[in-house]
Amino acid sequence: MTRKPSEEAIAQLRLRYEIAANAVDAYAREGFLVVLEDVVAGEMLTEIVESIAARPLRIVVLMPSLDTIVEREAARAQRGYDRWTAEGLYDLFLHGTPRVGLWLDTSDDTPAETVAAILAAVPEKVEA
């Protein structure tokens, strides 16, 4: 994806989200607890939420500070932002994505602390 994607790129992205939503629903129908992880920014977040039939549905958006994102990116062996800048993606989330679900600032959290914060926010307990 680029800042100005083609119609074909948007169609492929929507198809990817549709396939993911269908997979969530199929696993949920079979009794599985499903966690879908993806980067869904802008108005497409609302679209994918509406396309998933399984309930209950919990949406969690991890939103560390821009400084944290830049720092984490610099520490990676591979680059996650080759067509987007960290600043551009951060701005899209901050200003262009509907405030659906739980938004967490994970700037100072370890992965384990992030999981604990998510689980603490989920009203019903999940047993493995």
N, C-alpha and C. Protein backbone atom coordinates (compact mmCIF):
# COMPACT_ATOMS: atom_id res chain seq x y z
N MET A 1 0.84 -1.18 0.00
CA MET A 1 0.00 0.00 0.00
C MET A 1 0.88 1.24 0.00
N THR A 2 0.40 2.21 -0.73
CA THR A 2 1.10 3.50 -0.78
C THR A 2 0.15 4.57 -0.27
N ARG A 3 0.64 5.79 -0.14
CA ARG A 3 -0.20 6.89 0.33
C ARG A 3 -1.37 7.14 -0.63
N LYS A 4 -1.15 6.88 -1.92
CA LYS A 4 -2.20 7.06 -2.93
C LYS A 4 -2.35 5.76 -3.70
N PRO A 5 -3.02 4.76 -3.08
CA PRO A 5 -3.11 3.44 -3.71
C PRO A 5 -4.02 3.44 -4.94
N SER A 6 -3.73 2.51 -5.85
CA SER A 6 -4.57 2.33 -7.03
C SER A 6 -5.89 1.67 -6.62
N GLU A 7 -6.86 1.70 -7.51
CA GLU A 7 -8.13 1.02 -7.25
C GLU A 7 -7.91 -0.48 -7.05
N GLU A 8 -6.98 -1.06 -7.83
CA GLU A 8 -6.69 -2.49 -7.69
C GLU A 8 -6.09 -2.79 -6.32
N ALA A 9 -5.21 -1.93 -5.84
CA ALA A 9 -4.62 -2.13 -4.51
C ALA A 9 -5.69 -2.09 -3.43
N ILE A 10 -6.62 -1.15 -3.53
CA ILE A 10 -7.72 -1.04 -2.56
C ILE A 10 -8.60 -2.29 -2.64
N ALA A 11 -8.89 -2.75 -3.85
CA ALA A 11 -9.71 -3.96 -4.02
C ALA A 11 -9.03 -5.17 -3.39
N GLN A 12 -7.72 -5.30 -3.57
CA GLN A 12 -6.99 -6.41 -2.97
C GLN A 12 -6.99 -6.32 -1.45
N LEU A 13 -6.85 -5.12 -0.92
CA LEU A 13 -6.86 -4.93 0.53
C LEU A 13 -8.24 -5.29 1.10
N ARG A 14 -9.29 -4.83 0.44
CA ARG A 14 -10.65 -5.17 0.90
C ARG A 14 -10.88 -6.68 0.84
N LEU A 15 -10.38 -7.33 -0.21
CA LEU A 15 -10.51 -8.78 -0.31
C LEU A 15 -9.76 -9.47 0.83
N ARG A 16 -8.56 -8.98 1.14
CA ARG A 16 -7.81 -9.55 2.27
C ARG A 16 -8.60 -9.44 3.56
N TYR A 17 -9.20 -8.29 3.81
CA TYR A 17 -9.99 -8.11 5.02
C TYR A 17 -11.25 -8.97 5.00
N GLU A 18 -11.87 -9.13 3.84
CA GLU A 18 -13.06 -9.99 3.72
C GLU A 18 -12.69 -11.45 4.02
N ILE A 19 -11.58 -11.92 3.48
CA ILE A 19 -11.13 -13.29 3.74
C ILE A 19 -10.84 -13.47 5.22
N ALA A 20 -10.20 -12.49 5.84
CA ALA A 20 -9.90 -12.56 7.27
C ALA A 20 -11.18 -12.61 8.09
N ALA A 21 -12.16 -11.78 7.74
CA ALA A 21 -13.44 -11.78 8.45
C ALA A 21 -14.15 -13.11 8.30
N ASN A 22 -14.13 -13.67 7.10
CA ASN A 22 -14.74 -14.98 6.88
C ASN A 22 -14.06 -16.07 7.70
N ALA A 23 -12.73 -15.99 7.80
CA ALA A 23 -11.99 -16.98 8.61
C ALA A 23 -12.36 -16.84 10.09
N VAL A 24 -12.44 -15.61 10.58
CA VAL A 24 -12.86 -15.38 11.97
C VAL A 24 -14.21 -16.03 12.22
N ASP A 25 -15.17 -15.76 11.36
CA ASP A 25 -16.52 -16.30 11.53
C ASP A 25 -16.54 -17.82 11.46
N ALA A 26 -15.77 -18.41 10.54
CA ALA A 26 -15.74 -19.86 10.40
C ALA A 26 -15.17 -20.52 11.66
N TYR A 27 -14.08 -20.01 12.16
CA TYR A 27 -13.49 -20.57 13.39
C TYR A 27 -14.42 -20.36 14.58
N ALA A 28 -15.03 -19.19 14.68
CA ALA A 28 -15.94 -18.91 15.80
C ALA A 28 -17.15 -19.85 15.77
N ARG A 29 -17.68 -20.12 14.58
CA ARG A 29 -18.81 -21.06 14.46
C ARG A 29 -18.45 -22.44 14.99
N GLU A 30 -17.19 -22.81 14.89
CA GLU A 30 -16.72 -24.11 15.36
C GLU A 30 -16.32 -24.09 16.83
N GLY A 31 -16.54 -22.96 17.49
CA GLY A 31 -16.30 -22.87 18.92
C GLY A 31 -14.92 -22.39 19.34
N PHE A 32 -14.12 -21.94 18.40
CA PHE A 32 -12.78 -21.46 18.74
C PHE A 32 -12.82 -20.00 19.18
N LEU A 33 -11.94 -19.66 20.10
CA LEU A 33 -11.69 -18.27 20.44
C LEU A 33 -10.72 -17.75 19.40
N VAL A 34 -11.07 -16.68 18.72
CA VAL A 34 -10.30 -16.21 17.58
C VAL A 34 -9.67 -14.85 17.89
N VAL A 35 -8.41 -14.72 17.56
CA VAL A 35 -7.73 -13.43 17.63
C VAL A 35 -7.23 -13.13 16.22
N LEU A 36 -7.69 -12.04 15.67
CA LEU A 36 -7.24 -11.59 14.35
C LEU A 36 -6.31 -10.40 14.56
N GLU A 37 -5.09 -10.52 14.06
CA GLU A 37 -4.12 -9.44 14.16
C GLU A 37 -3.88 -8.90 12.77
N ASP A 38 -4.01 -7.60 12.62
CA ASP A 38 -3.76 -6.98 11.33
C ASP A 38 -3.57 -5.49 11.55
N VAL A 39 -3.12 -4.81 10.53
CA VAL A 39 -3.07 -3.35 10.54
C VAL A 39 -4.25 -2.89 9.71
N VAL A 40 -5.21 -2.27 10.39
CA VAL A 40 -6.42 -1.79 9.72
C VAL A 40 -6.58 -0.33 10.11
N ALA A 41 -6.29 0.55 9.19
CA ALA A 41 -6.33 1.98 9.48
C ALA A 41 -7.40 2.67 8.66
N GLY A 42 -7.78 3.84 9.10
CA GLY A 42 -8.76 4.63 8.39
C GLY A 42 -10.16 4.03 8.49
N GLU A 43 -11.01 4.41 7.57
CA GLU A 43 -12.40 3.97 7.59
C GLU A 43 -12.56 2.47 7.40
N MET A 44 -11.52 1.81 6.90
CA MET A 44 -11.62 0.36 6.71
C MET A 44 -11.75 -0.38 8.03
N LEU A 45 -11.36 0.25 9.14
CA LEU A 45 -11.56 -0.39 10.44
C LEU A 45 -13.04 -0.61 10.68
N THR A 46 -13.85 0.38 10.40
CA THR A 46 -15.30 0.24 10.55
C THR A 46 -15.83 -0.84 9.63
N GLU A 47 -15.33 -0.89 8.40
CA GLU A 47 -15.79 -1.89 7.43
C GLU A 47 -15.52 -3.31 7.91
N ILE A 48 -14.31 -3.57 8.40
CA ILE A 48 -14.00 -4.94 8.82
C ILE A 48 -14.78 -5.30 10.08
N VAL A 49 -14.96 -4.35 10.99
CA VAL A 49 -15.76 -4.62 12.19
C VAL A 49 -17.18 -5.01 11.80
N GLU A 50 -17.75 -4.30 10.86
CA GLU A 50 -19.12 -4.60 10.41
C GLU A 50 -19.20 -5.90 9.64
N SER A 51 -18.10 -6.35 9.04
CA SER A 51 -18.15 -7.57 8.23
C SER A 51 -17.97 -8.84 9.05
N ILE A 52 -17.53 -8.71 10.29
CA ILE A 52 -17.36 -9.88 11.16
C ILE A 52 -18.67 -10.12 11.91
N ALA A 53 -19.25 -11.28 11.73
CA ALA A 53 -20.53 -11.59 12.37
C ALA A 53 -20.37 -12.13 13.79
N ALA A 54 -19.24 -12.77 14.07
CA ALA A 54 -19.03 -13.42 15.38
C ALA A 54 -19.13 -12.40 16.51
N ARG A 55 -19.79 -12.81 17.56
CA ARG A 55 -19.92 -11.99 18.76
C ARG A 55 -19.72 -12.86 19.97
N PRO A 56 -19.16 -12.36 21.05
CA PRO A 56 -18.74 -10.97 21.22
C PRO A 56 -17.51 -10.67 20.37
N LEU A 57 -17.37 -9.41 20.01
CA LEU A 57 -16.25 -8.95 19.20
C LEU A 57 -15.57 -7.83 19.96
N ARG A 58 -14.30 -7.97 20.17
CA ARG A 58 -13.52 -6.95 20.87
C ARG A 58 -12.47 -6.40 19.91
N ILE A 59 -12.40 -5.09 19.82
CA ILE A 59 -11.44 -4.43 18.96
C ILE A 59 -10.40 -3.76 19.86
N VAL A 60 -9.13 -4.02 19.58
CA VAL A 60 -8.05 -3.40 20.34
C VAL A 60 -7.09 -2.77 19.33
N VAL A 61 -6.82 -1.49 19.51
CA VAL A 61 -5.87 -0.77 18.66
C VAL A 61 -4.68 -0.40 19.53
N LEU A 62 -3.51 -0.89 19.15
CA LEU A 62 -2.29 -0.55 19.87
C LEU A 62 -1.72 0.72 19.25
N MET A 63 -1.60 1.76 20.06
CA MET A 63 -1.21 3.08 19.55
C MET A 63 -0.11 3.68 20.40
N PRO A 64 1.11 3.16 20.25
CA PRO A 64 2.22 3.78 20.97
C PRO A 64 2.50 5.18 20.40
N SER A 65 3.30 5.94 21.11
CA SER A 65 3.66 7.28 20.64
C SER A 65 4.49 7.18 19.36
N LEU A 66 4.50 8.27 18.61
CA LEU A 66 5.30 8.30 17.39
C LEU A 66 6.78 8.09 17.70
N ASP A 67 7.27 8.70 18.76
CA ASP A 67 8.68 8.50 19.12
C ASP A 67 8.98 7.02 19.38
N THR A 68 8.06 6.33 20.04
CA THR A 68 8.25 4.91 20.33
C THR A 68 8.25 4.10 19.05
N ILE A 69 7.36 4.41 18.13
CA ILE A 69 7.30 3.69 16.85
C ILE A 69 8.62 3.86 16.09
N VAL A 70 9.11 5.09 16.03
CA VAL A 70 10.36 5.36 15.32
C VAL A 70 11.51 4.61 15.99
N GLU A 71 11.55 4.62 17.31
CA GLU A 71 12.60 3.92 18.05
C GLU A 71 12.54 2.41 17.81
N ARG A 72 11.34 1.85 17.85
CA ARG A 72 11.20 0.41 17.63
C ARG A 72 11.58 0.04 16.21
N GLU A 73 11.22 0.86 15.26
CA GLU A 73 11.55 0.60 13.86
C GLU A 73 13.07 0.62 13.66
N ALA A 74 13.75 1.55 14.31
CA ALA A 74 15.20 1.65 14.17
C ALA A 74 15.90 0.42 14.74
N ALA A 75 15.28 -0.23 15.71
CA ALA A 75 15.89 -1.40 16.35
C ALA A 75 15.63 -2.70 15.59
N ARG A 76 14.77 -2.68 14.59
CA ARG A 76 14.43 -3.89 13.84
C ARG A 76 15.47 -4.19 12.77
N ALA A 77 15.67 -5.48 12.52
CA ALA A 77 16.56 -5.89 11.43
C ALA A 77 15.91 -5.62 10.08
N GLN A 78 14.59 -5.83 10.00
CA GLN A 78 13.85 -5.56 8.76
C GLN A 78 13.08 -4.28 8.93
N ARG A 79 12.82 -3.61 7.84
CA ARG A 79 12.07 -2.37 7.88
C ARG A 79 10.59 -2.64 7.63
N GLY A 80 9.74 -2.12 8.50
CA GLY A 80 8.30 -2.29 8.35
C GLY A 80 7.68 -1.17 7.53
N TYR A 81 8.39 -0.06 7.42
CA TYR A 81 7.86 1.11 6.73
C TYR A 81 8.69 1.39 5.50
N ASP A 82 8.37 0.69 4.41
CA ASP A 82 9.14 0.95 3.20
C ASP A 82 8.36 1.84 2.24
N ARG A 83 7.06 1.80 2.30
CA ARG A 83 6.26 2.65 1.42
C ARG A 83 5.53 3.74 2.20
N TRP A 84 5.50 3.57 3.49
CA TRP A 84 4.92 4.56 4.39
C TRP A 84 6.01 5.00 5.34
N THR A 85 5.93 6.21 5.79
CA THR A 85 6.79 6.61 6.89
C THR A 85 6.04 6.28 8.18
N ALA A 86 6.77 6.11 9.24
CA ALA A 86 6.13 5.91 10.55
C ALA A 86 5.22 7.10 10.85
N GLU A 87 5.67 8.28 10.49
CA GLU A 87 4.88 9.50 10.74
C GLU A 87 3.57 9.49 9.96
N GLY A 88 3.63 9.04 8.70
CA GLY A 88 2.43 9.00 7.88
C GLY A 88 1.40 8.02 8.39
N LEU A 89 1.85 6.84 8.78
CA LEU A 89 0.93 5.83 9.31
C LEU A 89 0.37 6.26 10.66
N TYR A 90 1.22 6.83 11.49
CA TYR A 90 0.77 7.33 12.79
C TYR A 90 -0.32 8.38 12.61
N ASP A 91 -0.09 9.31 11.68
CA ASP A 91 -1.07 10.36 11.41
C ASP A 91 -2.39 9.78 10.91
N LEU A 92 -2.33 8.75 10.06
CA LEU A 92 -3.55 8.12 9.58
C LEU A 92 -4.34 7.51 10.73
N PHE A 93 -3.65 6.82 11.63
CA PHE A 93 -4.35 6.26 12.79
C PHE A 93 -4.91 7.36 13.67
N LEU A 94 -4.09 8.36 13.97
CA LEU A 94 -4.49 9.40 14.91
C LEU A 94 -5.65 10.24 14.39
N HIS A 95 -5.61 10.59 13.12
CA HIS A 95 -6.61 11.53 12.58
C HIS A 95 -7.61 10.92 11.61
N GLY A 96 -7.34 9.71 11.11
CA GLY A 96 -8.22 9.17 10.08
C GLY A 96 -8.91 7.87 10.43
N THR A 97 -8.68 7.36 11.63
CA THR A 97 -9.26 6.07 12.00
C THR A 97 -10.32 6.28 13.07
N PRO A 98 -11.53 5.75 12.85
CA PRO A 98 -12.58 5.90 13.86
C PRO A 98 -12.17 5.29 15.19
N ARG A 99 -12.58 5.90 16.27
CA ARG A 99 -12.24 5.42 17.62
C ARG A 99 -13.17 4.28 18.00
N VAL A 100 -12.91 3.13 17.37
CA VAL A 100 -13.68 1.91 17.62
C VAL A 100 -12.90 1.07 18.61
N GLY A 101 -13.55 0.55 19.62
CA GLY A 101 -12.92 -0.37 20.54
C GLY A 101 -11.99 0.29 21.53
N LEU A 102 -11.06 -0.52 22.04
CA LEU A 102 -10.11 -0.10 23.06
C LEU A 102 -8.82 0.35 22.39
N TRP A 103 -8.40 1.57 22.68
CA TRP A 103 -7.14 2.10 22.16
C TRP A 103 -6.16 2.16 23.32
N LEU A 104 -5.02 1.53 23.15
CA LEU A 104 -4.02 1.48 24.20
C LEU A 104 -2.72 2.15 23.75
N ASP A 105 -2.22 3.02 24.59
CA ASP A 105 -0.88 3.58 24.38
C ASP A 105 0.09 2.58 25.00
N THR A 106 0.80 1.87 24.16
CA THR A 106 1.71 0.82 24.62
C THR A 106 3.17 1.27 24.59
N SER A 107 3.38 2.57 24.61
CA SER A 107 4.73 3.12 24.48
C SER A 107 5.70 2.55 25.50
N ASP A 108 5.26 2.42 26.73
CA ASP A 108 6.16 1.99 27.80
C ASP A 108 5.95 0.55 28.22
N ASP A 109 5.14 -0.19 27.46
CA ASP A 109 4.77 -1.55 27.85
C ASP A 109 5.63 -2.61 27.16
N THR A 110 5.90 -3.66 27.89
CA THR A 110 6.48 -4.86 27.29
C THR A 110 5.34 -5.60 26.60
N PRO A 111 5.65 -6.58 25.75
CA PRO A 111 4.56 -7.38 25.18
C PRO A 111 3.68 -8.01 26.26
N ALA A 112 4.29 -8.52 27.33
CA ALA A 112 3.51 -9.15 28.40
C ALA A 112 2.59 -8.13 29.07
N GLU A 113 3.06 -6.92 29.26
CA GLU A 113 2.22 -5.88 29.87
C GLU A 113 1.08 -5.49 28.94
N THR A 114 1.34 -5.48 27.64
CA THR A 114 0.28 -5.18 26.68
C THR A 114 -0.81 -6.25 26.74
N VAL A 115 -0.41 -7.51 26.75
CA VAL A 115 -1.38 -8.61 26.86
C VAL A 115 -2.18 -8.48 28.15
N ALA A 116 -1.52 -8.19 29.25
CA ALA A 116 -2.20 -8.04 30.54
C ALA A 116 -3.22 -6.90 30.49
N ALA A 117 -2.87 -5.79 29.85
CA ALA A 117 -3.80 -4.66 29.74
C ALA A 117 -5.02 -5.03 28.90
N ILE A 118 -4.80 -5.78 27.84
CA ILE A 118 -5.92 -6.21 26.99
C ILE A 118 -6.82 -7.15 27.78
N LEU A 119 -6.24 -8.13 28.43
CA LEU A 119 -7.05 -9.10 29.18
C LEU A 119 -7.80 -8.43 30.33
N ALA A 120 -7.20 -7.42 30.95
CA ALA A 120 -7.87 -6.71 32.03
C ALA A 120 -9.08 -5.93 31.52
N ALA A 121 -9.04 -5.51 30.26
CA ALA A 121 -10.13 -4.74 29.69
C ALA A 121 -11.27 -5.59 29.14
N VAL A 122 -11.04 -6.88 28.99
CA VAL A 122 -12.07 -7.78 28.46
C VAL A 122 -12.99 -8.18 29.62
N PRO A 123 -14.29 -7.89 29.52
CA PRO A 123 -15.18 -8.12 30.66
C PRO A 123 -15.34 -9.58 31.06
N GLU A 124 -15.34 -10.48 30.12
CA GLU A 124 -15.51 -11.88 30.48
C GLU A 124 -14.16 -12.56 30.46
N LYS A 125 -13.98 -13.51 31.34
CA LYS A 125 -12.71 -14.23 31.41
C LYS A 125 -12.70 -15.33 30.36
N VAL A 126 -11.56 -15.55 29.79
CA VAL A 126 -11.38 -16.56 28.76
C VAL A 126 -10.53 -17.67 29.34
N GLU A 127 -10.99 -18.91 29.20
CA GLU A 127 -10.21 -20.05 29.69
C GLU A 127 -9.64 -20.80 28.49
N ALA A 128 -8.38 -21.17 28.61
CA ALA A 128 -7.72 -21.88 27.52
C ALA A 128 -8.05 -23.36 27.59
